[in-house]
């Protein structure tokens, strides 16, 4: 596998988004360690959702959802297979504030970065990794770059709220300028 030049931009419409490079030893890589789920930085990308007692009044701890006026919401349980913890590309959705949460009560990780100009992937220095605990979910702001969920088990179930056509017409992916190793700790 050839190394990716710094600043190279290309789309990953074919092939897997995340995999171990054939020869990681010859590529310049950087590692990401999870930041605290209490970090105010997360507000740049979305809202961390934690359990609340019922009944609760809508407030800042809730997901302020955005759905394109022409879109139809889709809520489903998706199965994710374990992916190697190496980040090569990221995806974003402009028409929806996607929400993800573990459906089988296990920890999971999500890489994310604030939105950038069209056609520009996020610089490695703006990407963070967050570890979410069982019972936590995350609402992504429209345009937030993300990759995952990443899990340690062979597979995991997730609640996913997006548009019914997100995977067809609002799945914008770009390769990163370098591979990032994700420390799933």
N, C-alpha and C. Protein backbone atom coordinates (compact mmCIF):
# COMPACT_ATOMS: atom_id res chain seq x y z
N UNK A 1 0.86 -1.18 0.00
CA UNK A 1 0.00 0.00 0.00
C UNK A 1 0.90 1.23 0.00
N UNK A 2 0.65 2.16 -0.85
CA UNK A 2 1.44 3.40 -0.91
C UNK A 2 1.06 4.31 0.23
N UNK A 3 2.04 5.08 0.68
CA UNK A 3 1.72 6.03 1.75
C UNK A 3 0.94 7.20 1.15
N UNK A 4 0.17 7.85 1.99
CA UNK A 4 -0.65 8.98 1.57
C UNK A 4 0.11 10.26 1.86
N UNK A 5 0.26 11.10 0.86
CA UNK A 5 0.99 12.36 1.03
C UNK A 5 0.22 13.29 1.94
N UNK A 6 0.93 14.06 2.74
CA UNK A 6 0.30 15.03 3.64
C UNK A 6 -0.57 15.98 2.84
N UNK A 7 -1.81 16.16 3.25
CA UNK A 7 -2.71 17.09 2.59
C UNK A 7 -3.43 16.52 1.38
N UNK A 8 -3.17 15.25 1.01
CA UNK A 8 -3.85 14.66 -0.13
C UNK A 8 -5.33 14.51 0.17
N UNK A 9 -6.17 14.84 -0.80
CA UNK A 9 -7.61 14.71 -0.63
C UNK A 9 -8.13 13.78 -1.72
N UNK A 10 -8.79 12.70 -1.32
CA UNK A 10 -9.48 11.85 -2.27
C UNK A 10 -10.62 11.16 -1.58
N UNK A 11 -11.62 10.78 -2.37
CA UNK A 11 -12.81 10.15 -1.80
C UNK A 11 -12.61 8.65 -1.72
N UNK A 12 -13.34 8.03 -0.82
CA UNK A 12 -13.23 6.59 -0.62
C UNK A 12 -14.58 5.94 -0.91
N UNK A 13 -15.05 6.08 -2.13
CA UNK A 13 -16.34 5.53 -2.49
C UNK A 13 -16.30 4.02 -2.65
N UNK A 14 -15.10 3.46 -2.92
CA UNK A 14 -15.03 2.01 -3.05
C UNK A 14 -14.04 1.47 -2.03
N UNK A 15 -14.28 0.29 -1.58
CA UNK A 15 -13.41 -0.33 -0.59
C UNK A 15 -13.76 0.05 0.82
N UNK A 16 -13.13 -0.64 1.78
CA UNK A 16 -13.43 -0.38 3.19
C UNK A 16 -12.90 0.97 3.62
N UNK A 17 -13.57 1.58 4.60
CA UNK A 17 -13.13 2.87 5.11
C UNK A 17 -12.00 2.71 6.10
N UNK A 18 -12.03 1.65 6.87
CA UNK A 18 -11.08 1.47 7.95
C UNK A 18 -10.46 0.09 7.84
N UNK A 19 -9.13 0.03 7.86
CA UNK A 19 -8.46 -1.26 7.88
C UNK A 19 -7.01 -1.03 8.29
N UNK A 20 -6.37 -2.11 8.65
CA UNK A 20 -4.94 -1.99 8.94
C UNK A 20 -4.21 -1.79 7.63
N UNK A 21 -3.30 -0.84 7.56
CA UNK A 21 -2.48 -0.72 6.35
C UNK A 21 -1.63 -1.98 6.20
N UNK A 22 -1.29 -2.35 4.97
CA UNK A 22 -0.48 -3.54 4.75
C UNK A 22 0.87 -3.45 5.46
N UNK A 23 1.47 -2.26 5.45
CA UNK A 23 2.78 -2.07 6.06
C UNK A 23 2.76 -0.83 6.93
N UNK A 24 2.18 -0.93 8.08
CA UNK A 24 2.07 0.23 8.94
C UNK A 24 3.45 0.78 9.32
N UNK A 25 4.47 -0.08 9.34
CA UNK A 25 5.79 0.37 9.79
C UNK A 25 6.41 1.43 8.88
N UNK A 26 6.03 1.49 7.63
CA UNK A 26 6.63 2.50 6.75
C UNK A 26 5.78 3.76 6.62
N UNK A 27 4.64 3.76 7.25
CA UNK A 27 3.78 4.94 7.20
C UNK A 27 3.94 5.75 8.47
N UNK A 28 3.89 7.04 8.33
CA UNK A 28 3.93 7.91 9.49
C UNK A 28 2.54 7.90 10.11
N UNK A 29 2.45 7.44 11.36
CA UNK A 29 1.15 7.38 12.01
C UNK A 29 1.19 8.16 13.31
N UNK A 30 0.04 8.53 13.74
CA UNK A 30 -0.16 9.25 14.99
C UNK A 30 -1.20 8.46 15.77
N UNK A 31 -1.14 8.51 17.09
CA UNK A 31 -2.10 7.81 17.92
C UNK A 31 -3.08 8.79 18.55
N UNK A 32 -4.31 8.34 18.70
CA UNK A 32 -5.32 9.12 19.41
C UNK A 32 -5.72 8.34 20.66
N UNK A 33 -5.70 9.02 21.79
CA UNK A 33 -6.15 8.47 23.06
C UNK A 33 -7.45 9.18 23.40
N UNK A 34 -8.43 8.46 23.97
CA UNK A 34 -9.72 9.11 24.24
C UNK A 34 -9.60 10.32 25.16
N UNK A 35 -10.35 11.37 24.81
CA UNK A 35 -10.46 12.54 25.68
C UNK A 35 -11.60 12.28 26.66
N UNK A 36 -11.68 13.06 27.69
CA UNK A 36 -12.73 12.90 28.69
C UNK A 36 -14.09 13.21 28.08
N UNK A 37 -15.08 12.41 28.44
CA UNK A 37 -16.44 12.68 27.94
C UNK A 37 -17.01 13.95 28.57
N UNK A 38 -16.33 14.51 29.57
CA UNK A 38 -16.75 15.78 30.18
C UNK A 38 -16.08 16.99 29.52
N UNK A 39 -15.25 16.75 28.51
CA UNK A 39 -14.52 17.85 27.88
C UNK A 39 -15.46 18.81 27.16
N UNK A 40 -15.31 20.11 27.40
CA UNK A 40 -16.15 21.09 26.68
C UNK A 40 -15.90 21.07 25.18
N UNK A 41 -14.77 20.50 24.74
CA UNK A 41 -14.45 20.40 23.32
C UNK A 41 -15.56 19.67 22.56
N UNK A 42 -16.21 18.71 23.19
CA UNK A 42 -17.23 17.91 22.52
C UNK A 42 -18.39 18.76 22.00
N UNK A 43 -18.65 19.89 22.63
CA UNK A 43 -19.71 20.78 22.18
C UNK A 43 -19.51 21.29 20.77
N UNK A 44 -18.29 21.26 20.26
CA UNK A 44 -18.01 21.68 18.88
C UNK A 44 -18.56 20.67 17.88
N UNK A 45 -18.74 19.42 18.34
CA UNK A 45 -19.15 18.34 17.44
C UNK A 45 -20.56 17.84 17.68
N UNK A 46 -21.10 18.07 18.88
CA UNK A 46 -22.43 17.56 19.16
C UNK A 46 -22.75 17.59 20.65
N UNK A 47 -23.60 16.67 21.06
CA UNK A 47 -24.08 16.62 22.44
C UNK A 47 -23.94 15.22 22.99
N UNK A 48 -23.26 15.10 24.12
CA UNK A 48 -23.19 13.83 24.83
C UNK A 48 -24.51 13.64 25.56
N UNK A 49 -25.15 12.51 25.36
CA UNK A 49 -26.44 12.22 25.97
C UNK A 49 -26.27 11.18 27.06
N UNK A 50 -26.68 11.55 28.27
CA UNK A 50 -26.58 10.66 29.43
C UNK A 50 -27.99 10.40 29.96
N UNK A 51 -28.15 9.31 30.72
CA UNK A 51 -29.48 9.00 31.26
C UNK A 51 -30.04 10.15 32.10
N UNK A 52 -31.35 10.35 31.97
CA UNK A 52 -32.08 11.35 32.75
C UNK A 52 -33.27 10.66 33.41
N UNK A 53 -33.68 11.17 34.53
CA UNK A 53 -34.89 10.65 35.18
C UNK A 53 -36.11 11.10 34.40
N UNK A 54 -37.09 10.24 34.34
CA UNK A 54 -38.34 10.55 33.66
C UNK A 54 -39.38 10.93 34.71
N UNK A 55 -40.18 11.93 34.52
CA UNK A 55 -40.26 12.80 33.36
C UNK A 55 -39.21 13.91 33.47
N UNK A 56 -38.71 14.33 32.33
CA UNK A 56 -37.73 15.41 32.28
C UNK A 56 -38.19 16.45 31.26
N UNK A 57 -37.94 17.70 31.56
CA UNK A 57 -38.26 18.80 30.65
C UNK A 57 -37.10 18.95 29.67
N UNK A 58 -37.41 19.27 28.41
CA UNK A 58 -36.37 19.46 27.39
C UNK A 58 -35.39 20.52 27.85
N UNK A 59 -34.08 20.24 27.69
CA UNK A 59 -33.06 21.19 28.10
C UNK A 59 -31.74 20.93 27.40
N UNK A 60 -30.67 21.56 27.86
CA UNK A 60 -29.37 21.46 27.19
C UNK A 60 -28.76 20.06 27.22
N UNK A 61 -29.23 19.18 28.07
CA UNK A 61 -28.72 17.81 28.13
C UNK A 61 -29.38 16.92 27.08
N UNK A 62 -30.35 17.46 26.34
CA UNK A 62 -31.06 16.70 25.32
C UNK A 62 -30.46 16.94 23.94
N UNK A 63 -30.79 16.04 23.02
CA UNK A 63 -30.35 16.18 21.63
C UNK A 63 -31.28 17.18 20.93
N UNK A 64 -30.72 18.29 20.48
CA UNK A 64 -31.46 19.27 19.69
C UNK A 64 -31.34 18.80 18.24
N UNK A 65 -32.34 18.10 17.77
CA UNK A 65 -32.26 17.39 16.49
C UNK A 65 -32.50 18.30 15.30
N UNK A 66 -31.81 17.96 14.20
CA UNK A 66 -32.00 18.65 12.92
C UNK A 66 -32.24 17.60 11.85
N UNK A 67 -33.34 17.74 11.13
CA UNK A 67 -33.63 16.90 9.98
C UNK A 67 -33.95 17.82 8.82
N UNK A 68 -33.34 17.56 7.66
CA UNK A 68 -33.63 18.32 6.46
C UNK A 68 -35.13 18.30 6.22
N UNK A 69 -35.68 19.43 5.78
CA UNK A 69 -37.13 19.56 5.58
C UNK A 69 -37.68 18.50 4.63
N UNK A 70 -36.87 18.08 3.68
CA UNK A 70 -37.31 17.08 2.70
C UNK A 70 -37.06 15.66 3.19
N UNK A 71 -36.38 15.51 4.32
CA UNK A 71 -35.99 14.18 4.78
C UNK A 71 -37.02 13.51 5.66
N UNK A 72 -36.91 12.21 5.73
CA UNK A 72 -37.77 11.39 6.58
C UNK A 72 -36.89 10.69 7.61
N UNK A 73 -37.12 10.90 8.92
CA UNK A 73 -36.28 10.27 9.93
C UNK A 73 -36.32 8.75 9.86
N UNK A 74 -35.19 8.15 10.18
CA UNK A 74 -35.06 6.69 10.25
C UNK A 74 -34.41 6.34 11.58
N UNK A 75 -35.08 5.50 12.38
CA UNK A 75 -34.52 5.02 13.64
C UNK A 75 -34.45 3.51 13.54
N UNK A 76 -33.24 2.97 13.74
CA UNK A 76 -33.09 1.52 13.62
C UNK A 76 -31.96 1.04 14.52
N UNK A 77 -31.90 -0.28 14.67
CA UNK A 77 -30.81 -0.92 15.41
C UNK A 77 -29.86 -1.48 14.37
N UNK A 78 -28.62 -0.99 14.39
CA UNK A 78 -27.64 -1.46 13.41
C UNK A 78 -26.61 -2.35 14.10
N UNK A 79 -26.13 -3.31 13.35
CA UNK A 79 -25.08 -4.20 13.83
C UNK A 79 -23.75 -3.73 13.26
N UNK A 80 -22.80 -3.51 14.14
CA UNK A 80 -21.45 -3.10 13.73
C UNK A 80 -20.50 -4.26 14.02
N UNK A 81 -19.71 -4.62 13.06
CA UNK A 81 -18.66 -5.61 13.29
C UNK A 81 -17.40 -4.88 13.74
N UNK A 82 -16.62 -5.54 14.56
CA UNK A 82 -15.38 -4.92 15.04
C UNK A 82 -14.51 -4.53 13.85
N UNK A 83 -14.01 -3.30 13.91
CA UNK A 83 -13.12 -2.78 12.88
C UNK A 83 -11.74 -2.60 13.49
N UNK A 84 -10.71 -2.73 12.70
CA UNK A 84 -9.38 -2.42 13.23
C UNK A 84 -9.34 -0.97 13.70
N UNK A 85 -8.66 -0.69 14.80
CA UNK A 85 -8.62 0.67 15.35
C UNK A 85 -7.63 1.59 14.62
N UNK A 86 -7.79 1.69 13.32
CA UNK A 86 -6.97 2.57 12.50
C UNK A 86 -7.92 3.41 11.67
N UNK A 87 -7.70 4.70 11.69
CA UNK A 87 -8.57 5.64 11.00
C UNK A 87 -7.89 6.11 9.72
N UNK A 88 -8.56 5.88 8.57
CA UNK A 88 -8.04 6.31 7.28
C UNK A 88 -8.90 7.39 6.65
N UNK A 89 -10.18 7.42 7.01
CA UNK A 89 -11.13 8.36 6.39
C UNK A 89 -12.20 8.71 7.42
N UNK A 90 -12.91 9.79 7.14
CA UNK A 90 -14.02 10.19 8.01
C UNK A 90 -15.21 10.55 7.13
N UNK A 91 -16.38 10.53 7.74
CA UNK A 91 -17.64 10.78 7.05
C UNK A 91 -18.38 11.90 7.76
N UNK A 92 -19.21 12.61 7.01
CA UNK A 92 -20.11 13.59 7.64
C UNK A 92 -21.42 13.62 6.87
N UNK A 93 -22.45 14.09 7.58
CA UNK A 93 -23.79 14.23 7.00
C UNK A 93 -24.21 15.68 7.19
N UNK A 94 -24.65 16.32 6.12
CA UNK A 94 -25.06 17.72 6.18
C UNK A 94 -26.54 17.90 6.48
N UNK A 95 -27.35 16.87 6.18
CA UNK A 95 -28.80 17.02 6.23
C UNK A 95 -29.43 16.52 7.53
N UNK A 96 -28.63 16.03 8.46
CA UNK A 96 -29.20 15.42 9.66
C UNK A 96 -28.22 15.51 10.83
N UNK A 97 -28.77 15.56 12.02
CA UNK A 97 -27.96 15.45 13.24
C UNK A 97 -28.06 13.99 13.69
N UNK A 98 -27.15 13.17 13.21
CA UNK A 98 -27.18 11.73 13.50
C UNK A 98 -26.98 11.48 14.99
N UNK A 99 -27.70 10.50 15.52
CA UNK A 99 -27.57 10.10 16.93
C UNK A 99 -27.21 8.63 16.99
N UNK A 100 -26.22 8.30 17.82
CA UNK A 100 -25.76 6.92 17.99
C UNK A 100 -25.71 6.58 19.47
N UNK A 101 -26.11 5.36 19.82
CA UNK A 101 -26.03 4.90 21.20
C UNK A 101 -25.97 3.38 21.23
N UNK A 102 -25.24 2.83 22.18
CA UNK A 102 -25.12 1.39 22.32
C UNK A 102 -26.46 0.78 22.68
N UNK A 103 -26.84 -0.27 21.95
CA UNK A 103 -28.09 -0.98 22.24
C UNK A 103 -27.83 -2.22 23.09
N UNK A 104 -26.57 -2.56 23.31
CA UNK A 104 -26.29 -3.75 24.11
C UNK A 104 -25.35 -3.48 25.28
N UNK A 105 -25.36 -2.25 25.74
CA UNK A 105 -24.69 -1.87 26.99
C UNK A 105 -23.23 -2.29 27.06
N UNK A 106 -22.46 -1.86 26.09
CA UNK A 106 -21.02 -2.05 26.16
C UNK A 106 -20.33 -0.75 25.79
N UNK A 107 -19.10 -0.53 26.28
CA UNK A 107 -18.40 0.70 25.91
C UNK A 107 -18.11 0.73 24.41
N UNK A 108 -17.99 1.94 23.88
CA UNK A 108 -17.68 2.11 22.46
C UNK A 108 -16.95 3.42 22.26
N UNK A 109 -16.31 3.57 21.10
CA UNK A 109 -15.48 4.74 20.81
C UNK A 109 -15.95 5.36 19.50
N UNK A 110 -15.83 6.68 19.45
CA UNK A 110 -16.20 7.44 18.26
C UNK A 110 -15.13 8.50 18.03
N UNK A 111 -14.58 8.52 16.81
CA UNK A 111 -13.64 9.57 16.42
C UNK A 111 -14.46 10.68 15.78
N UNK A 112 -14.11 11.94 16.08
CA UNK A 112 -14.88 13.06 15.53
C UNK A 112 -14.02 14.30 15.39
N UNK A 113 -14.49 15.19 14.52
CA UNK A 113 -13.82 16.47 14.31
C UNK A 113 -14.87 17.48 13.87
N UNK A 114 -14.66 18.76 14.22
CA UNK A 114 -15.60 19.80 13.78
C UNK A 114 -15.66 19.89 12.26
N UNK A 115 -16.74 20.44 11.76
CA UNK A 115 -16.95 20.61 10.33
C UNK A 115 -15.84 21.45 9.72
N UNK A 116 -15.54 21.19 8.45
CA UNK A 116 -14.55 21.96 7.69
C UNK A 116 -15.20 22.43 6.39
N UNK A 117 -14.47 23.22 5.62
CA UNK A 117 -14.96 23.68 4.31
C UNK A 117 -15.19 22.48 3.40
N UNK A 118 -16.07 22.64 2.45
CA UNK A 118 -16.39 21.57 1.51
C UNK A 118 -15.14 21.07 0.79
N UNK A 119 -15.01 19.74 0.70
CA UNK A 119 -13.88 19.14 0.00
C UNK A 119 -12.61 19.02 0.82
N UNK A 120 -12.62 19.50 2.05
CA UNK A 120 -11.44 19.46 2.89
C UNK A 120 -11.65 18.50 4.06
N UNK A 121 -10.80 17.47 4.15
CA UNK A 121 -10.92 16.59 5.31
C UNK A 121 -10.41 17.31 6.55
N UNK A 122 -10.78 16.84 7.72
CA UNK A 122 -10.29 17.49 8.93
C UNK A 122 -8.80 17.24 9.13
N UNK A 123 -8.05 18.24 9.54
CA UNK A 123 -6.64 18.01 9.86
C UNK A 123 -6.55 17.07 11.06
N UNK A 124 -5.52 16.24 11.10
CA UNK A 124 -5.34 15.28 12.20
C UNK A 124 -5.37 15.98 13.55
N UNK A 125 -4.87 17.20 13.62
CA UNK A 125 -4.80 17.91 14.89
C UNK A 125 -6.17 18.29 15.44
N UNK A 126 -7.23 18.20 14.62
CA UNK A 126 -8.57 18.56 15.08
C UNK A 126 -9.44 17.35 15.40
N UNK A 127 -8.89 16.15 15.25
CA UNK A 127 -9.66 14.93 15.47
C UNK A 127 -9.49 14.45 16.90
N UNK A 128 -10.59 14.10 17.53
CA UNK A 128 -10.56 13.57 18.90
C UNK A 128 -11.25 12.22 18.92
N UNK A 129 -10.86 11.41 19.88
CA UNK A 129 -11.48 10.11 20.12
C UNK A 129 -12.17 10.18 21.47
N UNK A 130 -13.41 9.73 21.53
CA UNK A 130 -14.14 9.73 22.79
C UNK A 130 -14.59 8.30 23.08
N UNK A 131 -14.48 7.93 24.34
CA UNK A 131 -15.00 6.64 24.79
C UNK A 131 -16.35 6.90 25.44
N UNK A 132 -17.37 6.21 24.96
CA UNK A 132 -18.71 6.34 25.53
C UNK A 132 -19.01 5.09 26.35
N UNK A 133 -19.63 5.31 27.46
CA UNK A 133 -19.94 4.23 28.40
C UNK A 133 -21.33 3.66 28.11
N UNK A 134 -21.63 2.45 28.63
CA UNK A 134 -22.98 1.93 28.48
C UNK A 134 -23.99 2.95 29.01
N UNK A 135 -25.08 3.13 28.30
CA UNK A 135 -26.10 4.10 28.70
C UNK A 135 -25.88 5.49 28.15
N UNK A 136 -24.77 5.72 27.44
CA UNK A 136 -24.50 7.03 26.84
C UNK A 136 -24.71 6.96 25.33
N UNK A 137 -25.10 8.09 24.77
CA UNK A 137 -25.28 8.22 23.32
C UNK A 137 -24.65 9.55 22.91
N UNK A 138 -24.53 9.76 21.60
CA UNK A 138 -23.97 11.03 21.12
C UNK A 138 -24.77 11.51 19.93
N UNK A 139 -25.14 12.82 19.97
CA UNK A 139 -25.80 13.49 18.86
C UNK A 139 -24.75 14.31 18.14
N UNK A 140 -24.53 14.02 16.86
CA UNK A 140 -23.57 14.75 16.04
C UNK A 140 -24.24 15.96 15.39
N UNK A 141 -23.59 17.12 15.47
CA UNK A 141 -24.09 18.28 14.74
C UNK A 141 -24.00 17.98 13.24
N UNK A 142 -24.92 18.50 12.42
CA UNK A 142 -24.77 18.34 10.97
C UNK A 142 -23.40 18.86 10.53
N UNK A 143 -22.74 18.09 9.67
CA UNK A 143 -21.42 18.47 9.16
C UNK A 143 -20.25 17.98 9.99
N UNK A 144 -20.49 17.43 11.17
CA UNK A 144 -19.40 16.93 12.02
C UNK A 144 -18.78 15.69 11.37
N UNK A 145 -17.47 15.70 11.26
CA UNK A 145 -16.74 14.53 10.76
C UNK A 145 -16.76 13.46 11.84
N UNK A 146 -16.96 12.21 11.45
CA UNK A 146 -16.96 11.13 12.43
C UNK A 146 -16.55 9.81 11.78
N UNK A 147 -16.12 8.90 12.63
CA UNK A 147 -15.79 7.53 12.23
C UNK A 147 -16.09 6.63 13.41
N UNK A 148 -16.71 5.53 13.12
CA UNK A 148 -17.08 4.59 14.18
C UNK A 148 -18.56 4.31 14.07
N UNK A 149 -19.08 3.65 15.04
CA UNK A 149 -18.52 3.25 16.33
C UNK A 149 -17.43 2.17 16.19
N UNK A 150 -16.49 2.22 17.12
CA UNK A 150 -15.46 1.20 17.27
C UNK A 150 -15.76 0.45 18.55
N UNK A 151 -15.60 -0.88 18.51
CA UNK A 151 -15.88 -1.72 19.66
C UNK A 151 -14.77 -2.75 19.82
N UNK A 152 -14.67 -3.33 21.01
CA UNK A 152 -13.68 -4.39 21.26
C UNK A 152 -14.24 -5.78 20.96
N UNK A 153 -15.54 -5.95 21.13
CA UNK A 153 -16.17 -7.25 20.89
C UNK A 153 -16.25 -7.53 19.39
N UNK A 154 -16.57 -8.78 19.02
CA UNK A 154 -16.68 -9.15 17.60
C UNK A 154 -17.72 -8.30 16.88
N UNK A 155 -18.82 -8.00 17.56
CA UNK A 155 -19.85 -7.15 16.98
C UNK A 155 -20.62 -6.48 18.11
N UNK A 156 -21.39 -5.47 17.76
CA UNK A 156 -22.18 -4.74 18.75
C UNK A 156 -23.41 -4.17 18.06
N UNK A 157 -24.44 -3.91 18.87
CA UNK A 157 -25.68 -3.32 18.36
C UNK A 157 -25.76 -1.86 18.78
N UNK A 158 -26.25 -1.02 17.86
CA UNK A 158 -26.36 0.41 18.12
C UNK A 158 -27.70 0.93 17.66
N UNK A 159 -28.25 1.85 18.46
CA UNK A 159 -29.40 2.63 18.02
C UNK A 159 -28.85 3.72 17.11
N UNK A 160 -29.50 3.92 15.98
CA UNK A 160 -29.05 4.93 15.02
C UNK A 160 -30.26 5.73 14.55
N UNK A 161 -30.18 7.05 14.71
CA UNK A 161 -31.22 7.95 14.23
C UNK A 161 -30.58 8.85 13.17
N UNK A 162 -31.09 8.75 11.96
CA UNK A 162 -30.60 9.55 10.84
C UNK A 162 -31.76 9.71 9.86
N UNK A 163 -31.48 10.09 8.63
CA UNK A 163 -32.54 10.18 7.62
C UNK A 163 -32.65 8.84 6.88
N UNK A 164 -33.80 8.59 6.33
CA UNK A 164 -34.00 7.33 5.61
C UNK A 164 -33.08 7.21 4.40
N UNK A 165 -32.58 8.33 3.89
CA UNK A 165 -31.69 8.30 2.71
C UNK A 165 -30.26 8.71 3.03
N UNK A 166 -29.89 8.80 4.29
CA UNK A 166 -28.54 9.25 4.66
C UNK A 166 -27.45 8.44 3.95
N UNK A 167 -27.59 7.12 3.92
CA UNK A 167 -26.54 6.29 3.32
C UNK A 167 -26.53 6.34 1.80
N UNK A 168 -27.55 6.96 1.21
CA UNK A 168 -27.61 7.07 -0.25
C UNK A 168 -27.21 8.44 -0.76
N UNK A 169 -27.64 9.52 -0.07
CA UNK A 169 -27.42 10.84 -0.64
C UNK A 169 -26.79 11.87 0.31
N UNK A 170 -26.38 11.43 1.49
CA UNK A 170 -25.76 12.37 2.43
C UNK A 170 -24.62 11.69 3.20
N UNK A 171 -23.89 10.86 2.49
CA UNK A 171 -22.79 10.11 3.09
C UNK A 171 -21.50 10.62 2.45
N UNK A 172 -20.95 11.68 3.03
CA UNK A 172 -19.79 12.38 2.46
C UNK A 172 -18.53 11.93 3.18
N UNK A 173 -17.68 11.19 2.47
CA UNK A 173 -16.45 10.65 3.06
C UNK A 173 -15.23 11.18 2.34
N UNK A 174 -14.19 11.45 3.12
CA UNK A 174 -12.90 11.87 2.57
C UNK A 174 -11.79 11.15 3.32
N UNK A 175 -10.73 10.83 2.60
CA UNK A 175 -9.55 10.22 3.20
C UNK A 175 -8.78 11.27 3.98
N UNK A 176 -8.12 10.82 5.03
CA UNK A 176 -7.28 11.71 5.83
C UNK A 176 -5.89 11.79 5.21
N UNK A 177 -5.14 12.79 5.56
CA UNK A 177 -3.78 12.96 5.05
C UNK A 177 -2.80 11.97 5.65
N UNK A 178 -3.17 11.31 6.74
CA UNK A 178 -2.33 10.30 7.38
C UNK A 178 -3.22 9.34 8.16
N UNK A 179 -2.71 8.15 8.41
CA UNK A 179 -3.44 7.18 9.22
C UNK A 179 -3.35 7.57 10.69
N UNK A 180 -4.40 7.30 11.43
CA UNK A 180 -4.42 7.55 12.87
C UNK A 180 -4.74 6.25 13.59
N UNK A 181 -3.87 5.86 14.51
CA UNK A 181 -4.11 4.67 15.32
C UNK A 181 -4.99 5.08 16.50
N UNK A 182 -6.04 4.33 16.75
CA UNK A 182 -6.98 4.63 17.81
C UNK A 182 -6.69 3.74 19.01
N UNK A 183 -6.41 4.35 20.15
CA UNK A 183 -6.15 3.59 21.38
C UNK A 183 -7.49 3.37 22.09
N UNK A 184 -8.04 2.18 21.93
CA UNK A 184 -9.34 1.86 22.52
C UNK A 184 -9.15 1.43 23.97
N UNK A 185 -8.86 2.45 24.80
CA UNK A 185 -8.63 2.17 26.22
C UNK A 185 -9.70 2.83 27.05
